[in-house]
Amino acid sequence: MLTHALDPDYIDNYGYSCMRSLLESTGALDTEAKEGSRLSEVALAPVRKDVMTKRDVPDTRVGDETKDPWKKICFHYRIKHLQDRVYADINKGTYQVTEPPSLTKAELDNDDWSDFEDEDGNPTAYPPGTLDPDAREGDGDEAGDDEGSPDTSDAELKAKLNQ
């Protein structure tokens, strides 16, 4: 679903008029929900920064920025301090991206567990630290698409992972 976050027609196929309505319906933006039921405060820090910018975004995309859920995010004390800390670390080049915990044996043994597999059981996402350039999407018609040479972004990611 997030792959098509900027495609309003795709989001609307599922009854959501915008990305905000999808996030609200899942409780992802609710700062008062339990941590496992919403986006983490570290994930909400960039959301707060985006909402607080002076960039003019049409209300049809995000709704009124002076109302919930944006208002709660903007005035949330811990998220404000996390935003300051996260962006200070990013600017210093010391920010460490947190990685998800490894899968448990029960999760690995359960065939129906993962949302990251297609209908044939093939992974649609890879574990941290692995890249599969052969699995990239694309039909090969894009300019600069060379067989066997990874995208610049892939090369940069590999360099960061090897540090």
N, C-alpha and C. Protein backbone atom coordinates (compact mmCIF):
# COMPACT_ATOMS: atom_id res chain seq x y z
N MET A 1 0.82 -1.19 0.00
CA MET A 1 0.00 0.00 0.00
C MET A 1 0.87 1.25 0.00
N LEU A 2 1.93 1.28 0.81
CA LEU A 2 2.75 2.48 0.89
C LEU A 2 3.51 2.76 -0.40
N THR A 3 3.69 1.73 -1.22
CA THR A 3 4.35 1.93 -2.51
C THR A 3 3.57 2.94 -3.34
N HIS A 4 2.27 2.94 -3.20
CA HIS A 4 1.40 3.80 -4.00
C HIS A 4 0.87 4.98 -3.18
N ALA A 5 1.62 5.41 -2.18
CA ALA A 5 1.15 6.45 -1.26
C ALA A 5 0.83 7.76 -1.97
N LEU A 6 1.53 8.07 -3.02
CA LEU A 6 1.30 9.33 -3.72
C LEU A 6 0.35 9.19 -4.90
N ASP A 7 -0.21 8.02 -5.09
CA ASP A 7 -1.14 7.78 -6.18
C ASP A 7 -2.56 7.78 -5.64
N PRO A 8 -3.27 8.93 -5.72
CA PRO A 8 -4.60 9.01 -5.11
C PRO A 8 -5.59 8.02 -5.70
N ASP A 9 -5.45 7.66 -6.97
CA ASP A 9 -6.38 6.70 -7.56
C ASP A 9 -6.22 5.33 -6.92
N TYR A 10 -4.99 4.93 -6.65
CA TYR A 10 -4.74 3.63 -6.05
C TYR A 10 -5.27 3.58 -4.62
N ILE A 11 -4.99 4.63 -3.86
CA ILE A 11 -5.48 4.69 -2.48
C ILE A 11 -7.00 4.64 -2.47
N ASP A 12 -7.63 5.35 -3.40
CA ASP A 12 -9.08 5.41 -3.45
C ASP A 12 -9.70 4.06 -3.78
N ASN A 13 -8.97 3.17 -4.43
CA ASN A 13 -9.48 1.83 -4.71
C ASN A 13 -9.85 1.09 -3.44
N TYR A 14 -9.22 1.43 -2.35
CA TYR A 14 -9.49 0.77 -1.08
C TYR A 14 -10.42 1.59 -0.19
N GLY A 15 -11.00 2.65 -0.72
CA GLY A 15 -11.94 3.45 0.05
C GLY A 15 -11.30 4.57 0.83
N TYR A 16 -10.01 4.81 0.63
CA TYR A 16 -9.31 5.90 1.32
C TYR A 16 -9.15 7.06 0.35
N SER A 17 -9.58 8.24 0.77
CA SER A 17 -9.49 9.39 -0.12
C SER A 17 -8.09 9.98 -0.15
N CYS A 18 -7.29 9.72 0.89
CA CYS A 18 -5.92 10.22 0.93
C CYS A 18 -5.12 9.35 1.89
N MET A 19 -3.82 9.55 1.88
CA MET A 19 -2.94 8.76 2.75
C MET A 19 -3.28 8.99 4.22
N ARG A 20 -3.65 10.20 4.56
CA ARG A 20 -3.99 10.51 5.95
C ARG A 20 -5.15 9.65 6.42
N SER A 21 -6.18 9.47 5.59
CA SER A 21 -7.33 8.66 6.02
C SER A 21 -6.92 7.21 6.25
N LEU A 22 -5.99 6.71 5.46
CA LEU A 22 -5.47 5.36 5.67
C LEU A 22 -4.75 5.28 7.01
N LEU A 23 -3.84 6.24 7.26
CA LEU A 23 -3.08 6.23 8.51
C LEU A 23 -3.98 6.43 9.72
N GLU A 24 -4.98 7.29 9.59
CA GLU A 24 -5.91 7.51 10.71
C GLU A 24 -6.74 6.27 10.99
N SER A 25 -7.20 5.59 9.95
CA SER A 25 -8.05 4.41 10.15
C SER A 25 -7.29 3.28 10.85
N THR A 26 -5.99 3.25 10.69
CA THR A 26 -5.20 2.21 11.35
C THR A 26 -4.71 2.65 12.72
N GLY A 27 -4.90 3.93 13.06
CA GLY A 27 -4.43 4.44 14.35
C GLY A 27 -2.95 4.76 14.35
N ALA A 28 -2.32 4.77 13.19
CA ALA A 28 -0.88 4.97 13.11
C ALA A 28 -0.44 6.35 13.59
N LEU A 29 -1.31 7.35 13.51
CA LEU A 29 -0.96 8.71 13.90
C LEU A 29 -1.45 9.09 15.29
N ASP A 30 -2.07 8.15 15.99
CA ASP A 30 -2.64 8.44 17.31
C ASP A 30 -1.54 8.41 18.37
N THR A 31 -1.16 9.58 18.87
CA THR A 31 -0.07 9.67 19.84
C THR A 31 -0.43 9.07 21.19
N GLU A 32 -1.72 8.84 21.45
CA GLU A 32 -2.15 8.29 22.73
C GLU A 32 -2.31 6.77 22.70
N ALA A 33 -2.18 6.17 21.53
CA ALA A 33 -2.30 4.72 21.42
C ALA A 33 -1.04 4.05 21.95
N LYS A 34 -1.17 2.76 22.29
CA LYS A 34 0.00 2.01 22.76
C LYS A 34 1.05 1.97 21.65
N GLU A 35 2.30 1.85 22.06
CA GLU A 35 3.40 1.94 21.10
C GLU A 35 3.31 0.92 19.98
N GLY A 36 2.87 -0.29 20.24
CA GLY A 36 2.78 -1.30 19.19
C GLY A 36 1.62 -1.09 18.24
N SER A 37 0.72 -0.17 18.56
CA SER A 37 -0.48 0.05 17.75
C SER A 37 -0.41 1.32 16.91
N ARG A 38 0.73 1.97 16.88
CA ARG A 38 0.87 3.22 16.14
C ARG A 38 2.30 3.33 15.64
N LEU A 39 2.57 4.37 14.87
CA LEU A 39 3.95 4.65 14.49
C LEU A 39 4.73 5.03 15.74
N SER A 40 5.98 4.68 15.78
CA SER A 40 6.81 5.03 16.94
C SER A 40 7.00 6.54 16.99
N GLU A 41 7.38 7.03 18.15
CA GLU A 41 7.62 8.47 18.29
C GLU A 41 8.78 8.91 17.41
N VAL A 42 9.77 8.05 17.22
CA VAL A 42 10.88 8.38 16.33
C VAL A 42 10.37 8.50 14.89
N ALA A 43 9.42 7.65 14.50
CA ALA A 43 8.84 7.74 13.16
C ALA A 43 7.94 8.96 13.02
N LEU A 44 7.32 9.38 14.12
CA LEU A 44 6.45 10.56 14.07
C LEU A 44 7.24 11.87 14.06
N ALA A 45 8.51 11.83 14.45
CA ALA A 45 9.33 13.05 14.47
C ALA A 45 9.44 13.68 13.08
N PRO A 46 9.74 12.93 12.01
CA PRO A 46 9.77 13.55 10.68
C PRO A 46 8.39 14.02 10.22
N VAL A 47 7.34 13.31 10.67
CA VAL A 47 5.98 13.75 10.35
C VAL A 47 5.74 15.12 10.95
N ARG A 48 6.16 15.29 12.20
CA ARG A 48 6.00 16.59 12.88
C ARG A 48 6.76 17.67 12.12
N LYS A 49 7.98 17.35 11.70
CA LYS A 49 8.78 18.34 10.97
C LYS A 49 8.08 18.74 9.68
N ASP A 50 7.54 17.77 8.96
CA ASP A 50 6.83 18.07 7.70
C ASP A 50 5.61 18.94 7.94
N VAL A 51 4.85 18.63 8.99
CA VAL A 51 3.64 19.40 9.29
C VAL A 51 3.99 20.82 9.72
N MET A 52 5.12 20.98 10.40
CA MET A 52 5.50 22.29 10.92
C MET A 52 6.16 23.19 9.86
N THR A 53 6.49 22.64 8.70
CA THR A 53 7.10 23.47 7.65
C THR A 53 6.09 24.46 7.11
N LYS A 54 6.56 25.45 6.45
CA LYS A 54 5.68 26.48 5.88
C LYS A 54 5.17 26.09 4.49
N ARG A 55 5.54 24.91 4.03
CA ARG A 55 5.11 24.47 2.71
C ARG A 55 3.58 24.37 2.67
N ASP A 56 2.97 24.91 1.65
CA ASP A 56 1.52 24.92 1.53
C ASP A 56 1.08 23.64 0.83
N VAL A 57 0.34 22.81 1.54
CA VAL A 57 -0.16 21.56 0.99
C VAL A 57 -1.68 21.66 0.95
N PRO A 58 -2.30 21.29 -0.16
CA PRO A 58 -3.76 21.38 -0.24
C PRO A 58 -4.45 20.54 0.85
N ASP A 59 -5.52 21.09 1.42
CA ASP A 59 -6.28 20.37 2.45
C ASP A 59 -6.81 19.04 1.95
N THR A 60 -7.03 18.92 0.64
CA THR A 60 -7.55 17.67 0.11
C THR A 60 -6.55 16.53 0.29
N ARG A 61 -5.27 16.85 0.47
CA ARG A 61 -4.26 15.81 0.67
C ARG A 61 -4.12 15.40 2.13
N VAL A 62 -4.08 16.38 3.01
CA VAL A 62 -3.78 16.06 4.41
C VAL A 62 -4.82 16.55 5.39
N GLY A 63 -5.77 17.33 4.95
CA GLY A 63 -6.76 17.88 5.87
C GLY A 63 -6.23 19.14 6.54
N ASP A 64 -6.97 19.61 7.52
CA ASP A 64 -6.62 20.84 8.22
C ASP A 64 -5.47 20.56 9.20
N GLU A 65 -4.35 21.24 9.01
CA GLU A 65 -3.17 21.02 9.85
C GLU A 65 -3.35 21.52 11.28
N THR A 66 -4.40 22.32 11.52
CA THR A 66 -4.63 22.84 12.87
C THR A 66 -5.56 21.94 13.68
N LYS A 67 -5.94 20.80 13.10
CA LYS A 67 -6.83 19.86 13.79
C LYS A 67 -6.10 18.53 13.96
N ASP A 68 -6.69 17.65 14.78
CA ASP A 68 -6.10 16.33 14.98
C ASP A 68 -6.12 15.56 13.68
N PRO A 69 -5.17 14.69 13.42
CA PRO A 69 -4.09 14.23 14.29
C PRO A 69 -2.86 15.12 14.28
N TRP A 70 -2.79 16.05 13.30
CA TRP A 70 -1.58 16.88 13.17
C TRP A 70 -1.36 17.75 14.41
N LYS A 71 -2.42 18.29 14.96
CA LYS A 71 -2.30 19.17 16.12
C LYS A 71 -1.67 18.42 17.30
N LYS A 72 -2.13 17.18 17.54
CA LYS A 72 -1.56 16.39 18.63
C LYS A 72 -0.08 16.10 18.40
N ILE A 73 0.26 15.79 17.16
CA ILE A 73 1.66 15.49 16.85
C ILE A 73 2.52 16.74 17.05
N CYS A 74 2.03 17.89 16.60
CA CYS A 74 2.81 19.13 16.72
C CYS A 74 3.04 19.55 18.16
N PHE A 75 2.08 19.30 19.04
CA PHE A 75 2.19 19.75 20.42
C PHE A 75 2.64 18.64 21.38
N HIS A 76 3.02 17.49 20.85
CA HIS A 76 3.46 16.37 21.68
C HIS A 76 4.89 16.64 22.15
N TYR A 77 5.08 16.73 23.45
CA TYR A 77 6.36 17.11 24.05
C TYR A 77 7.50 16.16 23.65
N ARG A 78 7.30 14.86 23.82
CA ARG A 78 8.38 13.90 23.53
C ARG A 78 8.72 13.87 22.04
N ILE A 79 7.71 13.98 21.19
CA ILE A 79 7.99 13.96 19.75
C ILE A 79 8.80 15.18 19.35
N LYS A 80 8.52 16.33 19.93
CA LYS A 80 9.28 17.55 19.64
C LYS A 80 10.75 17.36 20.00
N HIS A 81 11.00 16.81 21.20
CA HIS A 81 12.39 16.60 21.62
C HIS A 81 13.07 15.51 20.80
N LEU A 82 12.33 14.47 20.44
CA LEU A 82 12.90 13.45 19.57
C LEU A 82 13.23 14.03 18.20
N GLN A 83 12.36 14.87 17.67
CA GLN A 83 12.63 15.51 16.38
C GLN A 83 13.93 16.30 16.44
N ASP A 84 14.08 17.09 17.50
CA ASP A 84 15.31 17.88 17.65
C ASP A 84 16.54 16.98 17.71
N ARG A 85 16.45 15.90 18.48
CA ARG A 85 17.59 14.99 18.64
C ARG A 85 17.89 14.25 17.33
N VAL A 86 16.84 13.72 16.69
CA VAL A 86 17.04 12.96 15.45
C VAL A 86 17.67 13.83 14.38
N TYR A 87 17.17 15.04 14.18
CA TYR A 87 17.71 15.89 13.12
C TYR A 87 19.09 16.45 13.48
N ALA A 88 19.38 16.62 14.76
CA ALA A 88 20.74 17.01 15.16
C ALA A 88 21.71 15.88 14.83
N ASP A 89 21.31 14.63 15.13
CA ASP A 89 22.16 13.48 14.81
C ASP A 89 22.33 13.32 13.29
N ILE A 90 21.26 13.55 12.54
CA ILE A 90 21.35 13.44 11.08
C ILE A 90 22.33 14.49 10.55
N ASN A 91 22.22 15.71 11.04
CA ASN A 91 23.12 16.78 10.58
C ASN A 91 24.57 16.50 10.94
N LYS A 92 24.82 15.85 12.09
CA LYS A 92 26.19 15.50 12.50
C LYS A 92 26.68 14.25 11.81
N GLY A 93 25.77 13.50 11.18
CA GLY A 93 26.14 12.25 10.53
C GLY A 93 26.27 11.10 11.49
N THR A 94 25.67 11.21 12.67
CA THR A 94 25.79 10.15 13.68
C THR A 94 24.48 9.39 13.90
N TYR A 95 23.45 9.68 13.11
CA TYR A 95 22.16 9.02 13.31
C TYR A 95 22.25 7.55 12.93
N GLN A 96 21.76 6.69 13.79
CA GLN A 96 21.75 5.25 13.54
C GLN A 96 20.31 4.81 13.31
N VAL A 97 20.04 4.24 12.16
CA VAL A 97 18.71 3.74 11.86
C VAL A 97 18.48 2.47 12.66
N THR A 98 17.36 2.41 13.35
CA THR A 98 17.06 1.21 14.12
C THR A 98 16.57 0.12 13.18
N GLU A 99 16.99 -1.10 13.47
CA GLU A 99 16.58 -2.22 12.64
C GLU A 99 15.52 -3.02 13.38
N PRO A 100 14.60 -3.61 12.65
CA PRO A 100 13.57 -4.40 13.31
C PRO A 100 14.18 -5.64 13.95
N PRO A 101 13.52 -6.17 14.98
CA PRO A 101 14.05 -7.38 15.61
C PRO A 101 14.00 -8.55 14.63
N SER A 102 14.88 -9.51 14.85
CA SER A 102 14.89 -10.69 14.00
C SER A 102 13.61 -11.49 14.21
N LEU A 103 13.25 -12.26 13.19
CA LEU A 103 12.06 -13.08 13.30
C LEU A 103 12.29 -14.20 14.31
N THR A 104 11.25 -14.54 15.04
CA THR A 104 11.33 -15.65 15.99
C THR A 104 11.16 -16.96 15.22
N LYS A 105 11.49 -18.06 15.87
CA LYS A 105 11.33 -19.37 15.23
C LYS A 105 9.87 -19.61 14.87
N ALA A 106 8.96 -19.23 15.77
CA ALA A 106 7.52 -19.41 15.51
C ALA A 106 7.09 -18.62 14.27
N GLU A 107 7.61 -17.42 14.11
CA GLU A 107 7.26 -16.61 12.95
C GLU A 107 7.84 -17.22 11.67
N LEU A 108 9.06 -17.73 11.76
CA LEU A 108 9.68 -18.35 10.59
C LEU A 108 8.97 -19.63 10.18
N ASP A 109 8.47 -20.39 11.16
CA ASP A 109 7.81 -21.66 10.88
C ASP A 109 6.38 -21.50 10.39
N ASN A 110 5.76 -20.35 10.62
CA ASN A 110 4.38 -20.13 10.23
C ASN A 110 4.33 -19.62 8.79
N ASP A 111 3.79 -20.45 7.89
CA ASP A 111 3.75 -20.09 6.47
C ASP A 111 2.87 -18.87 6.19
N ASP A 112 1.86 -18.65 7.00
CA ASP A 112 0.93 -17.54 6.75
C ASP A 112 1.28 -16.29 7.52
N TRP A 113 2.44 -16.24 8.15
CA TRP A 113 2.75 -15.13 9.04
C TRP A 113 3.06 -13.82 8.33
N SER A 114 3.82 -13.84 7.28
CA SER A 114 4.40 -12.62 6.71
C SER A 114 3.48 -11.89 5.75
N ASP A 115 3.42 -10.57 5.94
CA ASP A 115 2.77 -9.71 4.95
C ASP A 115 3.76 -9.33 3.86
N PHE A 116 4.98 -9.79 3.97
CA PHE A 116 6.02 -9.41 3.04
C PHE A 116 6.32 -10.51 2.03
N GLU A 117 5.34 -11.35 1.78
CA GLU A 117 5.48 -12.38 0.77
C GLU A 117 4.33 -12.25 -0.21
N ASP A 118 4.61 -12.55 -1.46
CA ASP A 118 3.53 -12.52 -2.44
C ASP A 118 2.76 -13.83 -2.37
N GLU A 119 1.79 -13.99 -3.26
CA GLU A 119 0.92 -15.18 -3.21
C GLU A 119 1.68 -16.48 -3.46
N ASP A 120 2.87 -16.41 -4.05
CA ASP A 120 3.67 -17.61 -4.29
C ASP A 120 4.69 -17.87 -3.19
N GLY A 121 4.69 -17.04 -2.14
CA GLY A 121 5.63 -17.22 -1.04
C GLY A 121 6.98 -16.59 -1.26
N ASN A 122 7.14 -15.83 -2.34
CA ASN A 122 8.41 -15.14 -2.60
C ASN A 122 8.46 -13.85 -1.81
N PRO A 123 9.63 -13.50 -1.26
CA PRO A 123 9.71 -12.28 -0.45
C PRO A 123 9.54 -11.03 -1.30
N THR A 124 8.78 -10.08 -0.77
CA THR A 124 8.63 -8.78 -1.41
C THR A 124 9.47 -7.74 -0.69
N ALA A 125 10.07 -8.12 0.42
CA ALA A 125 11.00 -7.27 1.18
C ALA A 125 12.10 -8.19 1.68
N TYR A 126 13.27 -7.64 1.85
CA TYR A 126 14.40 -8.44 2.28
C TYR A 126 14.82 -8.06 3.69
N PRO A 127 15.41 -8.99 4.44
CA PRO A 127 15.85 -8.68 5.80
C PRO A 127 16.92 -7.60 5.79
N PRO A 128 17.14 -6.95 6.93
CA PRO A 128 18.17 -5.90 6.99
C PRO A 128 19.52 -6.44 6.55
N GLY A 129 20.23 -5.62 5.78
CA GLY A 129 21.58 -5.99 5.37
C GLY A 129 21.66 -6.80 4.10
N THR A 130 20.54 -7.08 3.45
CA THR A 130 20.59 -7.84 2.21
C THR A 130 19.98 -7.02 1.09
N LEU A 131 20.59 -7.13 -0.06
CA LEU A 131 20.07 -6.48 -1.25
C LEU A 131 20.04 -7.50 -2.37
N ASP A 132 19.01 -7.45 -3.16
CA ASP A 132 18.90 -8.35 -4.29
C ASP A 132 18.64 -7.52 -5.54
N PRO A 133 19.71 -7.08 -6.24
CA PRO A 133 19.51 -6.23 -7.40
C PRO A 133 18.73 -6.92 -8.51
N ASP A 134 18.75 -8.27 -8.56
CA ASP A 134 18.01 -8.99 -9.60
C ASP A 134 16.51 -8.89 -9.38
N ALA A 135 16.08 -8.58 -8.16
CA ALA A 135 14.66 -8.52 -7.85
C ALA A 135 14.08 -7.13 -8.01
N ARG A 136 14.88 -6.18 -8.49
CA ARG A 136 14.38 -4.81 -8.67
C ARG A 136 13.24 -4.81 -9.67
N GLU A 137 12.29 -3.92 -9.41
CA GLU A 137 11.19 -3.76 -10.35
C GLU A 137 11.66 -2.96 -11.54
N GLY A 138 11.02 -3.12 -12.64
CA GLY A 138 11.35 -2.34 -13.82
C GLY A 138 11.31 -3.22 -15.04
N ASP A 139 11.06 -2.60 -16.16
CA ASP A 139 10.96 -3.38 -17.38
C ASP A 139 12.20 -3.25 -18.24
N GLY A 140 13.23 -2.54 -17.75
CA GLY A 140 14.46 -2.40 -18.49
C GLY A 140 14.44 -1.29 -19.52
N ASP A 141 13.31 -0.59 -19.66
CA ASP A 141 13.22 0.48 -20.63
C ASP A 141 13.65 1.83 -20.09
N GLU A 142 13.92 1.92 -18.79
CA GLU A 142 14.30 3.20 -18.22
C GLU A 142 15.67 3.61 -18.73
N ALA A 143 15.85 4.92 -18.86
CA ALA A 143 17.15 5.43 -19.28
C ALA A 143 18.20 5.09 -18.24
N GLY A 144 19.36 4.63 -18.70
CA GLY A 144 20.44 4.33 -17.78
C GLY A 144 20.30 3.00 -17.07
N ASP A 145 19.39 2.15 -17.53
CA ASP A 145 19.17 0.87 -16.88
C ASP A 145 20.13 -0.14 -17.50
N ASP A 146 21.25 -0.40 -16.82
CA ASP A 146 22.24 -1.33 -17.31
C ASP A 146 22.10 -2.64 -16.58
N GLU A 147 22.04 -3.74 -17.33
CA GLU A 147 21.99 -5.04 -16.70
C GLU A 147 23.26 -5.29 -15.91
N GLY A 148 23.12 -5.75 -14.70
CA GLY A 148 24.27 -6.09 -13.88
C GLY A 148 24.85 -4.96 -13.08
N SER A 149 24.51 -3.71 -13.38
CA SER A 149 25.05 -2.61 -12.58
C SER A 149 23.97 -2.11 -11.65
N PRO A 150 24.27 -2.07 -10.35
CA PRO A 150 23.26 -1.65 -9.40
C PRO A 150 22.96 -0.17 -9.52
N ASP A 151 21.75 0.21 -9.07
CA ASP A 151 21.41 1.63 -9.02
C ASP A 151 22.38 2.33 -8.09
N THR A 152 22.52 3.64 -8.28
CA THR A 152 23.36 4.43 -7.39
C THR A 152 22.88 4.28 -5.96
N SER A 153 21.56 4.28 -5.78
CA SER A 153 21.02 4.16 -4.43
C SER A 153 21.38 2.81 -3.82
N ASP A 154 21.38 1.75 -4.63
CA ASP A 154 21.78 0.44 -4.12
C ASP A 154 23.25 0.45 -3.70
N ALA A 155 24.10 1.07 -4.52
CA ALA A 155 25.53 1.12 -4.20
C ALA A 155 25.76 1.91 -2.93
N GLU A 156 25.05 3.03 -2.79
CA GLU A 156 25.20 3.83 -1.57
C GLU A 156 24.74 3.04 -0.35
N LEU A 157 23.62 2.32 -0.49
CA LEU A 157 23.11 1.53 0.62
C LEU A 157 24.08 0.41 0.99
N LYS A 158 24.65 -0.25 0.00
CA LYS A 158 25.63 -1.30 0.27
C LYS A 158 26.83 -0.74 1.02
N ALA A 159 27.30 0.45 0.62
CA ALA A 159 28.44 1.07 1.30
C ALA A 159 28.11 1.36 2.75
N LYS A 160 26.91 1.85 3.01
CA LYS A 160 26.52 2.14 4.39
C LYS A 160 26.41 0.86 5.21
N LEU A 161 25.89 -0.20 4.60
CA LEU A 161 25.73 -1.46 5.32
C LEU A 161 27.07 -2.10 5.64
N ASN A 162 28.08 -1.86 4.81
CA ASN A 162 29.39 -2.46 5.02
C ASN A 162 30.27 -1.68 5.98
N GLN A 163 29.82 -0.51 6.42
CA GLN A 163 30.62 0.31 7.35
C GLN A 163 30.69 -0.33 8.70
